[in-house]
Amino acid sequence: MARTLDFIFDFGSPNAYLAWKALPPILERTGASVAVRPVLLGGLFKLTGNRSPMEAFGEVQGKLAYEALETRRFVARHGLDAYRMNPHFPVNTLLIMRGLVAAQAQGLGGPYLEAVLAAMWEQGLKMDDPAVVAGVLGAAGLDAQALLEATQDPGVKARLLEETQAAAARGAFGVPTFFVGEEMFFGKDRLGQVEEALATG
């Protein structure tokens, strides 16, 4: 039986974008499927006492420069030439994460995910601006008004909170985090281990 990979996800993480783009060959080789689990990264940080890398390592000599080097290596290794750091980073992702929950409920999670990821990490758009978000969704052929209205639905808000709390309860403290069964893997650099776990399941 093919395995399912749970992907703890927030659009605000550049590493979530990079990991998502590197996943398709792994899924093809293993026959696995992926379930995107939307969380609010800021909420996950609060629940676990974590901080962003910029906060946690900003004063460590050479640390952020090395992380940038590793990102360039990852981009080159996987041919992700469209990637660019969002000039508005960090972006408040509450609106677009609620939008993802709403899109998933409507069976539109895939096209929504691809459109918003491209806007965030290829086009460099300010994706905490509702007007910008509406333009992106409309250009992707999605009903922007309906999706943005759904972000205010109490059920959508509750679902995002529940997913965030559930991720923390499973041991997640950041994004991207992956679960193969109950085995947890953190970070895009663990994709090799993720593939091994999927292949042996």
N, C-alpha and C. Protein backbone atom coordinates (compact mmCIF):
# COMPACT_ATOMS: atom_id res chain seq x y z
N MET A 1 0.84 -1.20 0.00
CA MET A 1 0.00 0.00 0.00
C MET A 1 0.88 1.25 0.00
N ALA A 2 0.58 2.19 -0.90
CA ALA A 2 1.39 3.41 -1.01
C ALA A 2 1.25 4.25 0.26
N ARG A 3 2.33 4.89 0.63
CA ARG A 3 2.35 5.72 1.83
C ARG A 3 1.84 7.12 1.52
N THR A 4 1.41 7.80 2.55
CA THR A 4 1.04 9.21 2.44
C THR A 4 2.01 10.03 3.26
N LEU A 5 2.52 11.08 2.64
CA LEU A 5 3.45 11.99 3.31
C LEU A 5 2.67 13.21 3.79
N ASP A 6 2.68 13.45 5.09
CA ASP A 6 2.07 14.66 5.64
C ASP A 6 3.10 15.79 5.60
N PHE A 7 2.71 16.89 4.99
CA PHE A 7 3.60 18.05 4.83
C PHE A 7 3.02 19.19 5.66
N ILE A 8 3.69 19.52 6.77
CA ILE A 8 3.29 20.63 7.62
C ILE A 8 3.76 21.91 6.93
N PHE A 9 2.80 22.78 6.55
CA PHE A 9 3.08 23.78 5.53
C PHE A 9 2.56 25.17 5.89
N ASP A 10 3.38 26.17 5.57
CA ASP A 10 2.95 27.58 5.60
C ASP A 10 3.66 28.27 4.43
N PHE A 11 2.91 29.10 3.70
CA PHE A 11 3.48 29.81 2.55
C PHE A 11 4.63 30.72 2.93
N GLY A 12 4.71 31.12 4.20
CA GLY A 12 5.70 32.09 4.62
C GLY A 12 7.12 31.57 4.68
N SER A 13 7.30 30.28 4.56
CA SER A 13 8.64 29.68 4.61
C SER A 13 9.21 29.47 3.21
N PRO A 14 10.31 30.12 2.88
CA PRO A 14 10.92 29.85 1.58
C PRO A 14 11.34 28.39 1.43
N ASN A 15 11.70 27.78 2.54
CA ASN A 15 12.10 26.38 2.48
C ASN A 15 10.92 25.46 2.19
N ALA A 16 9.70 25.90 2.56
CA ALA A 16 8.51 25.12 2.20
C ALA A 16 8.31 25.13 0.69
N TYR A 17 8.52 26.28 0.07
CA TYR A 17 8.45 26.37 -1.39
C TYR A 17 9.49 25.44 -2.03
N LEU A 18 10.72 25.54 -1.57
CA LEU A 18 11.80 24.75 -2.16
C LEU A 18 11.54 23.25 -1.99
N ALA A 19 11.09 22.86 -0.81
CA ALA A 19 10.80 21.45 -0.56
C ALA A 19 9.66 20.97 -1.45
N TRP A 20 8.62 21.78 -1.59
CA TRP A 20 7.47 21.40 -2.42
C TRP A 20 7.90 21.17 -3.86
N LYS A 21 8.77 22.04 -4.35
CA LYS A 21 9.21 21.92 -5.74
C LYS A 21 10.13 20.71 -5.95
N ALA A 22 10.81 20.28 -4.89
CA ALA A 22 11.71 19.13 -4.99
C ALA A 22 11.00 17.80 -4.75
N LEU A 23 9.75 17.85 -4.30
CA LEU A 23 9.03 16.63 -3.93
C LEU A 23 8.58 15.74 -5.09
N PRO A 24 8.11 16.28 -6.22
CA PRO A 24 7.50 15.42 -7.24
C PRO A 24 8.32 14.20 -7.65
N PRO A 25 9.64 14.31 -7.89
CA PRO A 25 10.38 13.11 -8.25
C PRO A 25 10.38 12.05 -7.14
N ILE A 26 10.39 12.51 -5.89
CA ILE A 26 10.36 11.58 -4.75
C ILE A 26 9.04 10.84 -4.72
N LEU A 27 7.95 11.57 -4.91
CA LEU A 27 6.63 10.94 -4.91
C LEU A 27 6.50 9.96 -6.07
N GLU A 28 7.06 10.32 -7.21
CA GLU A 28 7.00 9.44 -8.38
C GLU A 28 7.80 8.16 -8.14
N ARG A 29 8.98 8.30 -7.57
CA ARG A 29 9.82 7.12 -7.35
C ARG A 29 9.24 6.18 -6.30
N THR A 30 8.57 6.73 -5.31
CA THR A 30 8.07 5.91 -4.20
C THR A 30 6.60 5.53 -4.35
N GLY A 31 5.90 6.17 -5.27
CA GLY A 31 4.47 5.92 -5.42
C GLY A 31 3.64 6.51 -4.28
N ALA A 32 4.24 7.41 -3.51
CA ALA A 32 3.55 7.99 -2.37
C ALA A 32 2.70 9.18 -2.80
N SER A 33 1.78 9.55 -1.94
CA SER A 33 0.99 10.76 -2.13
C SER A 33 1.33 11.73 -1.02
N VAL A 34 0.95 13.00 -1.21
CA VAL A 34 1.26 14.01 -0.21
C VAL A 34 -0.02 14.66 0.26
N ALA A 35 -0.12 14.89 1.57
CA ALA A 35 -1.24 15.61 2.17
C ALA A 35 -0.68 16.89 2.79
N VAL A 36 -1.06 18.02 2.23
CA VAL A 36 -0.59 19.30 2.74
C VAL A 36 -1.42 19.66 3.97
N ARG A 37 -0.74 19.87 5.09
CA ARG A 37 -1.37 20.21 6.35
C ARG A 37 -1.09 21.68 6.66
N PRO A 38 -2.06 22.55 6.40
CA PRO A 38 -1.82 23.99 6.59
C PRO A 38 -1.73 24.36 8.06
N VAL A 39 -0.71 25.13 8.40
CA VAL A 39 -0.55 25.65 9.76
C VAL A 39 -0.19 27.12 9.67
N LEU A 40 -0.32 27.81 10.78
CA LEU A 40 0.16 29.18 10.86
C LEU A 40 1.51 29.14 11.58
N LEU A 41 2.57 29.44 10.85
CA LEU A 41 3.91 29.26 11.39
C LEU A 41 4.13 30.08 12.65
N GLY A 42 3.63 31.32 12.66
CA GLY A 42 3.77 32.13 13.87
C GLY A 42 3.11 31.48 15.07
N GLY A 43 1.96 30.87 14.84
CA GLY A 43 1.26 30.17 15.91
C GLY A 43 2.04 28.95 16.37
N LEU A 44 2.63 28.25 15.43
CA LEU A 44 3.44 27.07 15.77
C LEU A 44 4.66 27.49 16.59
N PHE A 45 5.28 28.61 16.22
CA PHE A 45 6.40 29.12 17.00
C PHE A 45 5.97 29.43 18.44
N LYS A 46 4.82 30.06 18.59
CA LYS A 46 4.35 30.41 19.93
C LYS A 46 4.07 29.16 20.77
N LEU A 47 3.48 28.17 20.14
CA LEU A 47 3.13 26.94 20.86
C LEU A 47 4.37 26.18 21.32
N THR A 48 5.46 26.30 20.58
CA THR A 48 6.65 25.49 20.86
C THR A 48 7.83 26.28 21.39
N GLY A 49 7.68 27.60 21.51
CA GLY A 49 8.79 28.41 22.00
C GLY A 49 9.88 28.60 20.97
N ASN A 50 9.56 28.37 19.72
CA ASN A 50 10.55 28.51 18.65
C ASN A 50 10.60 29.95 18.16
N ARG A 51 11.65 30.27 17.40
CA ARG A 51 11.79 31.59 16.77
C ARG A 51 12.26 31.40 15.35
N SER A 52 12.06 32.43 14.54
CA SER A 52 12.52 32.35 13.16
C SER A 52 14.04 32.28 13.12
N PRO A 53 14.61 31.72 12.04
CA PRO A 53 16.07 31.67 11.94
C PRO A 53 16.72 33.04 12.05
N MET A 54 16.08 34.07 11.49
CA MET A 54 16.67 35.41 11.57
C MET A 54 16.78 35.89 13.01
N GLU A 55 15.76 35.57 13.80
CA GLU A 55 15.79 35.94 15.22
C GLU A 55 16.77 35.05 15.99
N ALA A 56 16.69 33.75 15.74
CA ALA A 56 17.46 32.80 16.53
C ALA A 56 18.96 32.86 16.24
N PHE A 57 19.30 33.10 14.96
CA PHE A 57 20.71 32.98 14.55
C PHE A 57 21.31 34.28 14.02
N GLY A 58 20.53 35.37 14.09
CA GLY A 58 20.99 36.62 13.49
C GLY A 58 22.31 37.13 14.03
N GLU A 59 22.62 36.80 15.28
CA GLU A 59 23.85 37.29 15.88
C GLU A 59 24.97 36.26 15.86
N VAL A 60 24.70 35.10 15.26
CA VAL A 60 25.73 34.06 15.18
C VAL A 60 26.58 34.30 13.93
N GLN A 61 27.84 34.53 14.13
CA GLN A 61 28.72 34.87 13.00
C GLN A 61 28.71 33.78 11.94
N GLY A 62 28.38 34.15 10.73
CA GLY A 62 28.47 33.23 9.60
C GLY A 62 27.27 32.32 9.41
N LYS A 63 26.36 32.24 10.41
CA LYS A 63 25.27 31.26 10.34
C LYS A 63 24.30 31.57 9.20
N LEU A 64 23.80 32.79 9.13
CA LEU A 64 22.82 33.11 8.09
C LEU A 64 23.47 33.12 6.70
N ALA A 65 24.73 33.50 6.63
CA ALA A 65 25.43 33.46 5.34
C ALA A 65 25.56 32.01 4.86
N TYR A 66 25.82 31.09 5.79
CA TYR A 66 25.91 29.69 5.40
C TYR A 66 24.55 29.15 4.98
N GLU A 67 23.50 29.54 5.69
CA GLU A 67 22.16 29.11 5.30
C GLU A 67 21.83 29.59 3.89
N ALA A 68 22.24 30.81 3.56
CA ALA A 68 22.02 31.33 2.21
C ALA A 68 22.80 30.52 1.18
N LEU A 69 24.01 30.11 1.54
CA LEU A 69 24.81 29.27 0.64
C LEU A 69 24.13 27.93 0.41
N GLU A 70 23.61 27.32 1.47
CA GLU A 70 22.92 26.04 1.32
C GLU A 70 21.66 26.19 0.46
N THR A 71 20.99 27.32 0.58
CA THR A 71 19.82 27.56 -0.27
C THR A 71 20.24 27.63 -1.74
N ARG A 72 21.31 28.33 -2.02
CA ARG A 72 21.79 28.42 -3.41
C ARG A 72 22.17 27.04 -3.95
N ARG A 73 22.78 26.23 -3.12
CA ARG A 73 23.15 24.88 -3.53
C ARG A 73 21.90 24.04 -3.82
N PHE A 74 20.88 24.16 -2.96
CA PHE A 74 19.64 23.41 -3.14
C PHE A 74 18.95 23.84 -4.43
N VAL A 75 18.88 25.14 -4.65
CA VAL A 75 18.26 25.67 -5.87
C VAL A 75 18.97 25.13 -7.10
N ALA A 76 20.30 25.14 -7.08
CA ALA A 76 21.07 24.65 -8.22
C ALA A 76 20.88 23.14 -8.41
N ARG A 77 20.89 22.39 -7.33
CA ARG A 77 20.78 20.94 -7.41
C ARG A 77 19.45 20.50 -8.02
N HIS A 78 18.40 21.23 -7.70
CA HIS A 78 17.06 20.84 -8.15
C HIS A 78 16.56 21.67 -9.33
N GLY A 79 17.41 22.55 -9.86
CA GLY A 79 17.03 23.33 -11.03
C GLY A 79 15.87 24.28 -10.79
N LEU A 80 15.83 24.89 -9.62
CA LEU A 80 14.70 25.75 -9.26
C LEU A 80 15.01 27.21 -9.58
N ASP A 81 15.26 27.47 -10.84
CA ASP A 81 15.74 28.77 -11.27
C ASP A 81 14.72 29.88 -11.11
N ALA A 82 13.44 29.54 -10.97
CA ALA A 82 12.40 30.57 -10.83
C ALA A 82 12.38 31.17 -9.43
N TYR A 83 13.04 30.52 -8.48
CA TYR A 83 12.98 30.97 -7.09
C TYR A 83 13.67 32.32 -6.91
N ARG A 84 13.01 33.18 -6.13
CA ARG A 84 13.64 34.42 -5.68
C ARG A 84 13.11 34.75 -4.30
N MET A 85 13.97 35.32 -3.48
CA MET A 85 13.55 35.72 -2.14
C MET A 85 12.50 36.82 -2.26
N ASN A 86 11.42 36.70 -1.52
CA ASN A 86 10.36 37.70 -1.60
C ASN A 86 10.84 39.01 -0.97
N PRO A 87 10.78 40.12 -1.72
CA PRO A 87 11.29 41.39 -1.19
C PRO A 87 10.47 41.92 -0.02
N HIS A 88 9.27 41.40 0.20
CA HIS A 88 8.41 41.84 1.30
C HIS A 88 8.55 40.94 2.54
N PHE A 89 9.46 39.98 2.49
CA PHE A 89 9.65 39.02 3.58
C PHE A 89 10.05 39.74 4.86
N PRO A 90 9.49 39.36 6.02
CA PRO A 90 8.49 38.31 6.21
C PRO A 90 7.08 38.81 5.90
N VAL A 91 6.29 37.94 5.30
CA VAL A 91 4.92 38.25 4.90
C VAL A 91 3.96 37.62 5.91
N ASN A 92 2.98 38.37 6.35
CA ASN A 92 1.94 37.83 7.23
C ASN A 92 1.06 36.90 6.40
N THR A 93 1.06 35.63 6.72
CA THR A 93 0.38 34.64 5.87
C THR A 93 -1.00 34.23 6.37
N LEU A 94 -1.54 34.94 7.36
CA LEU A 94 -2.84 34.54 7.91
C LEU A 94 -3.90 34.45 6.82
N LEU A 95 -4.00 35.46 5.97
CA LEU A 95 -5.03 35.48 4.94
C LEU A 95 -4.86 34.33 3.94
N ILE A 96 -3.66 34.15 3.44
CA ILE A 96 -3.47 33.12 2.40
C ILE A 96 -3.48 31.71 2.98
N MET A 97 -3.15 31.56 4.26
CA MET A 97 -3.27 30.24 4.86
C MET A 97 -4.73 29.88 5.11
N ARG A 98 -5.52 30.84 5.56
CA ARG A 98 -6.96 30.59 5.66
C ARG A 98 -7.53 30.29 4.28
N GLY A 99 -7.02 31.00 3.28
CA GLY A 99 -7.46 30.75 1.92
C GLY A 99 -7.15 29.34 1.47
N LEU A 100 -6.00 28.82 1.87
CA LEU A 100 -5.66 27.44 1.52
C LEU A 100 -6.62 26.46 2.16
N VAL A 101 -6.95 26.68 3.42
CA VAL A 101 -7.92 25.82 4.10
C VAL A 101 -9.26 25.84 3.36
N ALA A 102 -9.70 27.04 2.99
CA ALA A 102 -10.96 27.18 2.25
C ALA A 102 -10.88 26.50 0.89
N ALA A 103 -9.76 26.67 0.19
CA ALA A 103 -9.60 26.05 -1.13
C ALA A 103 -9.59 24.53 -1.03
N GLN A 104 -8.92 23.99 -0.02
CA GLN A 104 -8.91 22.54 0.17
C GLN A 104 -10.32 22.02 0.40
N ALA A 105 -11.11 22.76 1.18
CA ALA A 105 -12.48 22.33 1.47
C ALA A 105 -13.33 22.31 0.21
N GLN A 106 -12.96 23.13 -0.78
CA GLN A 106 -13.70 23.20 -2.03
C GLN A 106 -13.09 22.32 -3.12
N GLY A 107 -12.08 21.54 -2.76
CA GLY A 107 -11.42 20.69 -3.74
C GLY A 107 -10.50 21.43 -4.67
N LEU A 108 -10.05 22.62 -4.26
CA LEU A 108 -9.21 23.47 -5.11
C LEU A 108 -7.83 23.70 -4.50
N GLY A 109 -7.45 22.83 -3.57
CA GLY A 109 -6.18 23.03 -2.88
C GLY A 109 -4.98 23.06 -3.80
N GLY A 110 -4.97 22.18 -4.81
CA GLY A 110 -3.83 22.10 -5.72
C GLY A 110 -3.59 23.38 -6.50
N PRO A 111 -4.57 23.86 -7.27
CA PRO A 111 -4.35 25.08 -8.03
C PRO A 111 -4.12 26.31 -7.16
N TYR A 112 -4.77 26.36 -6.01
CA TYR A 112 -4.55 27.48 -5.09
C TYR A 112 -3.10 27.47 -4.60
N LEU A 113 -2.65 26.31 -4.19
CA LEU A 113 -1.28 26.17 -3.67
C LEU A 113 -0.26 26.62 -4.70
N GLU A 114 -0.40 26.15 -5.93
CA GLU A 114 0.57 26.48 -6.97
C GLU A 114 0.55 27.97 -7.29
N ALA A 115 -0.64 28.57 -7.35
CA ALA A 115 -0.75 29.99 -7.68
C ALA A 115 -0.11 30.86 -6.61
N VAL A 116 -0.39 30.55 -5.35
CA VAL A 116 0.11 31.39 -4.26
C VAL A 116 1.61 31.17 -4.05
N LEU A 117 2.08 29.94 -4.19
CA LEU A 117 3.52 29.70 -4.09
C LEU A 117 4.29 30.48 -5.15
N ALA A 118 3.79 30.47 -6.37
CA ALA A 118 4.46 31.20 -7.45
C ALA A 118 4.47 32.69 -7.17
N ALA A 119 3.34 33.20 -6.67
CA ALA A 119 3.26 34.63 -6.37
C ALA A 119 4.23 35.02 -5.27
N MET A 120 4.37 34.15 -4.26
CA MET A 120 5.24 34.44 -3.12
C MET A 120 6.71 34.32 -3.47
N TRP A 121 7.08 33.21 -4.12
CA TRP A 121 8.49 32.85 -4.21
C TRP A 121 9.06 32.83 -5.63
N GLU A 122 8.26 33.29 -6.60
CA GLU A 122 8.77 33.47 -7.95
C GLU A 122 8.53 34.90 -8.43
N GLN A 123 7.33 35.41 -8.14
CA GLN A 123 6.96 36.75 -8.60
C GLN A 123 7.25 37.83 -7.55
N GLY A 124 7.49 37.43 -6.31
CA GLY A 124 7.86 38.39 -5.27
C GLY A 124 6.75 39.34 -4.89
N LEU A 125 5.50 38.88 -4.90
CA LEU A 125 4.37 39.75 -4.63
C LEU A 125 4.09 39.87 -3.13
N LYS A 126 3.39 40.94 -2.78
CA LYS A 126 3.07 41.22 -1.37
C LYS A 126 1.76 40.50 -1.03
N MET A 127 1.90 39.26 -0.58
CA MET A 127 0.75 38.39 -0.44
C MET A 127 0.03 38.50 0.90
N ASP A 128 0.22 39.61 1.61
CA ASP A 128 -0.65 39.92 2.73
C ASP A 128 -1.56 41.10 2.38
N ASP A 129 -1.56 41.50 1.12
CA ASP A 129 -2.43 42.54 0.61
C ASP A 129 -3.61 41.86 -0.08
N PRO A 130 -4.84 42.01 0.46
CA PRO A 130 -5.98 41.31 -0.13
C PRO A 130 -6.19 41.60 -1.61
N ALA A 131 -5.92 42.82 -2.05
CA ALA A 131 -6.09 43.15 -3.46
C ALA A 131 -5.10 42.38 -4.33
N VAL A 132 -3.88 42.24 -3.85
CA VAL A 132 -2.87 41.47 -4.58
C VAL A 132 -3.28 40.00 -4.63
N VAL A 133 -3.72 39.48 -3.50
CA VAL A 133 -4.16 38.08 -3.44
C VAL A 133 -5.31 37.84 -4.41
N ALA A 134 -6.26 38.74 -4.42
CA ALA A 134 -7.40 38.60 -5.32
C ALA A 134 -6.95 38.56 -6.78
N GLY A 135 -5.99 39.40 -7.13
CA GLY A 135 -5.47 39.40 -8.49
C GLY A 135 -4.79 38.10 -8.86
N VAL A 136 -4.04 37.56 -7.93
CA VAL A 136 -3.34 36.29 -8.16
C VAL A 136 -4.34 35.15 -8.36
N LEU A 137 -5.33 35.09 -7.50
CA LEU A 137 -6.31 34.01 -7.58
C LEU A 137 -7.14 34.13 -8.85
N GLY A 138 -7.54 35.34 -9.20
CA GLY A 138 -8.31 35.53 -10.42
C GLY A 138 -7.52 35.13 -11.66
N ALA A 139 -6.23 35.49 -11.68
CA ALA A 139 -5.39 35.14 -12.82
C ALA A 139 -5.22 33.63 -12.95
N ALA A 140 -5.37 32.92 -11.84
CA ALA A 140 -5.25 31.45 -11.85
C ALA A 140 -6.58 30.77 -12.18
N GLY A 141 -7.61 31.57 -12.44
CA GLY A 141 -8.91 31.00 -12.78
C GLY A 141 -9.74 30.60 -11.57
N LEU A 142 -9.36 31.08 -10.40
CA LEU A 142 -10.09 30.76 -9.19
C LEU A 142 -11.06 31.90 -8.84
N ASP A 143 -12.09 31.58 -8.10
CA ASP A 143 -13.07 32.58 -7.68
C ASP A 143 -12.51 33.32 -6.46
N ALA A 144 -11.83 34.43 -6.75
CA ALA A 144 -11.13 35.15 -5.70
C ALA A 144 -12.09 35.67 -4.64
N GLN A 145 -13.21 36.21 -5.05
CA GLN A 145 -14.15 36.78 -4.08
C GLN A 145 -14.67 35.71 -3.13
N ALA A 146 -15.04 34.55 -3.69
CA ALA A 146 -15.57 33.48 -2.85
C ALA A 146 -14.51 32.97 -1.87
N LEU A 147 -13.29 32.82 -2.34
CA LEU A 147 -12.23 32.31 -1.47
C LEU A 147 -11.87 33.32 -0.38
N LEU A 148 -11.79 34.60 -0.74
CA LEU A 148 -11.47 35.61 0.26
C LEU A 148 -12.59 35.74 1.29
N GLU A 149 -13.83 35.63 0.84
CA GLU A 149 -14.94 35.65 1.79
C GLU A 149 -14.88 34.45 2.72
N ALA A 150 -14.47 33.32 2.19
CA ALA A 150 -14.40 32.10 3.00
C ALA A 150 -13.33 32.18 4.08
N THR A 151 -12.34 33.06 3.90
CA THR A 151 -11.30 33.20 4.93
C THR A 151 -11.87 33.75 6.23
N GLN A 152 -13.05 34.34 6.16
CA GLN A 152 -13.69 34.88 7.37
C GLN A 152 -14.68 33.90 8.00
N ASP A 153 -14.81 32.73 7.39
CA ASP A 153 -15.73 31.72 7.91
C ASP A 153 -15.17 31.14 9.22
N PRO A 154 -15.98 31.09 10.28
CA PRO A 154 -15.50 30.56 11.56
C PRO A 154 -14.94 29.14 11.46
N GLY A 155 -15.53 28.33 10.59
CA GLY A 155 -15.05 26.97 10.43
C GLY A 155 -13.66 26.91 9.82
N VAL A 156 -13.41 27.80 8.86
CA VAL A 156 -12.08 27.88 8.25
C VAL A 156 -11.05 28.34 9.26
N LYS A 157 -11.40 29.37 10.03
CA LYS A 157 -10.48 29.87 11.06
C LYS A 157 -10.16 28.78 12.09
N ALA A 158 -11.20 28.07 12.48
CA ALA A 158 -11.02 27.01 13.48
C ALA A 158 -10.15 25.88 12.94
N ARG A 159 -10.34 25.54 11.67
CA ARG A 159 -9.57 24.45 11.07
C ARG A 159 -8.08 24.77 11.05
N LEU A 160 -7.73 26.01 10.70
CA LEU A 160 -6.32 26.39 10.67
C LEU A 160 -5.72 26.32 12.07
N LEU A 161 -6.46 26.77 13.05
CA LEU A 161 -5.99 26.70 14.43
C LEU A 161 -5.82 25.26 14.88
N GLU A 162 -6.79 24.42 14.54
CA GLU A 162 -6.73 23.00 14.92
C GLU A 162 -5.53 22.31 14.27
N GLU A 163 -5.29 22.60 13.00
CA GLU A 163 -4.16 21.98 12.30
C GLU A 163 -2.83 22.43 12.93
N THR A 164 -2.77 23.70 13.33
CA THR A 164 -1.55 24.21 13.96
C THR A 164 -1.31 23.53 15.30
N GLN A 165 -2.35 23.40 16.08
CA GLN A 165 -2.24 22.74 17.39
C GLN A 165 -1.90 21.26 17.23
N ALA A 166 -2.50 20.63 16.23
CA ALA A 166 -2.22 19.21 16.00
C ALA A 166 -0.78 18.98 15.57
N ALA A 167 -0.26 19.89 14.75
CA ALA A 167 1.14 19.76 14.32
C ALA A 167 2.08 19.87 15.51
N ALA A 168 1.81 20.83 16.39
CA ALA A 168 2.64 20.97 17.58
C ALA A 168 2.55 19.74 18.47
N ALA A 169 1.35 19.19 18.58
CA ALA A 169 1.15 18.00 19.41
C ALA A 169 1.92 16.80 18.86
N ARG A 170 2.12 16.76 17.54
CA ARG A 170 2.88 15.66 16.93
C ARG A 170 4.39 15.85 17.06
N GLY A 171 4.80 17.04 17.48
CA GLY A 171 6.22 17.30 17.65
C GLY A 171 6.79 18.33 16.70
N ALA A 172 5.99 18.84 15.77
CA ALA A 172 6.49 19.83 14.82
C ALA A 172 6.75 21.15 15.53
N PHE A 173 7.82 21.83 15.13
CA PHE A 173 8.17 23.12 15.71
C PHE A 173 8.47 24.16 14.65
N GLY A 174 8.43 23.75 13.37
CA GLY A 174 8.74 24.66 12.28
C GLY A 174 8.24 24.09 10.97
N VAL A 175 8.54 24.82 9.89
CA VAL A 175 8.13 24.46 8.53
C VAL A 175 9.34 24.58 7.62
N PRO A 176 9.53 23.61 6.73
CA PRO A 176 8.70 22.45 6.45
C PRO A 176 9.02 21.26 7.37
N THR A 177 7.96 20.63 7.85
CA THR A 177 8.08 19.39 8.60
C THR A 177 7.30 18.31 7.85
N PHE A 178 7.84 17.10 7.85
CA PHE A 178 7.21 15.98 7.16
C PHE A 178 6.99 14.84 8.15
N PHE A 179 5.88 14.15 7.97
CA PHE A 179 5.62 12.94 8.73
C PHE A 179 5.35 11.78 7.77
N VAL A 180 6.09 10.69 7.97
CA VAL A 180 5.80 9.42 7.31
C VAL A 180 5.33 8.51 8.44
N GLY A 181 4.02 8.29 8.51
CA GLY A 181 3.47 7.66 9.70
C GLY A 181 3.71 8.60 10.87
N GLU A 182 4.36 8.10 11.90
CA GLU A 182 4.68 8.95 13.05
C GLU A 182 6.15 9.39 13.06
N GLU A 183 6.88 9.04 12.00
CA GLU A 183 8.28 9.47 11.90
C GLU A 183 8.34 10.90 11.38
N MET A 184 9.00 11.77 12.13
CA MET A 184 9.08 13.18 11.77
C MET A 184 10.43 13.53 11.16
N PHE A 185 10.38 14.39 10.15
CA PHE A 185 11.59 14.89 9.48
C PHE A 185 11.42 16.39 9.31
N PHE A 186 12.41 17.17 9.75
CA PHE A 186 12.31 18.62 9.66
C PHE A 186 13.31 19.17 8.65
N GLY A 187 12.81 20.02 7.77
CA GLY A 187 13.67 20.77 6.87
C GLY A 187 13.81 20.15 5.49
N LYS A 188 14.05 21.00 4.51
CA LYS A 188 14.18 20.53 3.13
C LYS A 188 15.38 19.62 2.94
N ASP A 189 16.37 19.73 3.81
CA ASP A 189 17.57 18.92 3.67
C ASP A 189 17.37 17.49 4.18
N ARG A 190 16.17 17.17 4.66
CA ARG A 190 15.87 15.81 5.10
C ARG A 190 15.07 15.04 4.06
N LEU A 191 14.94 15.58 2.86
CA LEU A 191 14.13 14.92 1.85
C LEU A 191 14.69 13.55 1.45
N GLY A 192 15.99 13.37 1.53
CA GLY A 192 16.57 12.05 1.26
C GLY A 192 16.08 11.04 2.28
N GLN A 193 16.04 11.42 3.53
CA GLN A 193 15.52 10.52 4.58
C GLN A 193 14.03 10.29 4.40
N VAL A 194 13.31 11.32 3.99
CA VAL A 194 11.88 11.17 3.72
C VAL A 194 11.67 10.13 2.63
N GLU A 195 12.45 10.20 1.57
CA GLU A 195 12.30 9.23 0.49
C GLU A 195 12.60 7.81 0.97
N GLU A 196 13.62 7.65 1.78
CA GLU A 196 13.94 6.32 2.30
C GLU A 196 12.79 5.78 3.14
N ALA A 197 12.19 6.63 3.95
CA ALA A 197 11.08 6.19 4.80
C ALA A 197 9.86 5.82 3.95
N LEU A 198 9.60 6.59 2.91
CA LEU A 198 8.48 6.29 2.03
C LEU A 198 8.71 4.99 1.26
N ALA A 199 9.96 4.79 0.84
CA ALA A 199 10.28 3.61 0.03
C ALA A 199 10.24 2.31 0.83
N THR A 200 10.49 2.40 2.12
CA THR A 200 10.55 1.19 2.94
C THR A 200 9.23 0.91 3.66
N GLY A 201 8.25 1.79 3.45
CA GLY A 201 6.99 1.65 4.17
C GLY A 201 6.11 0.54 3.59
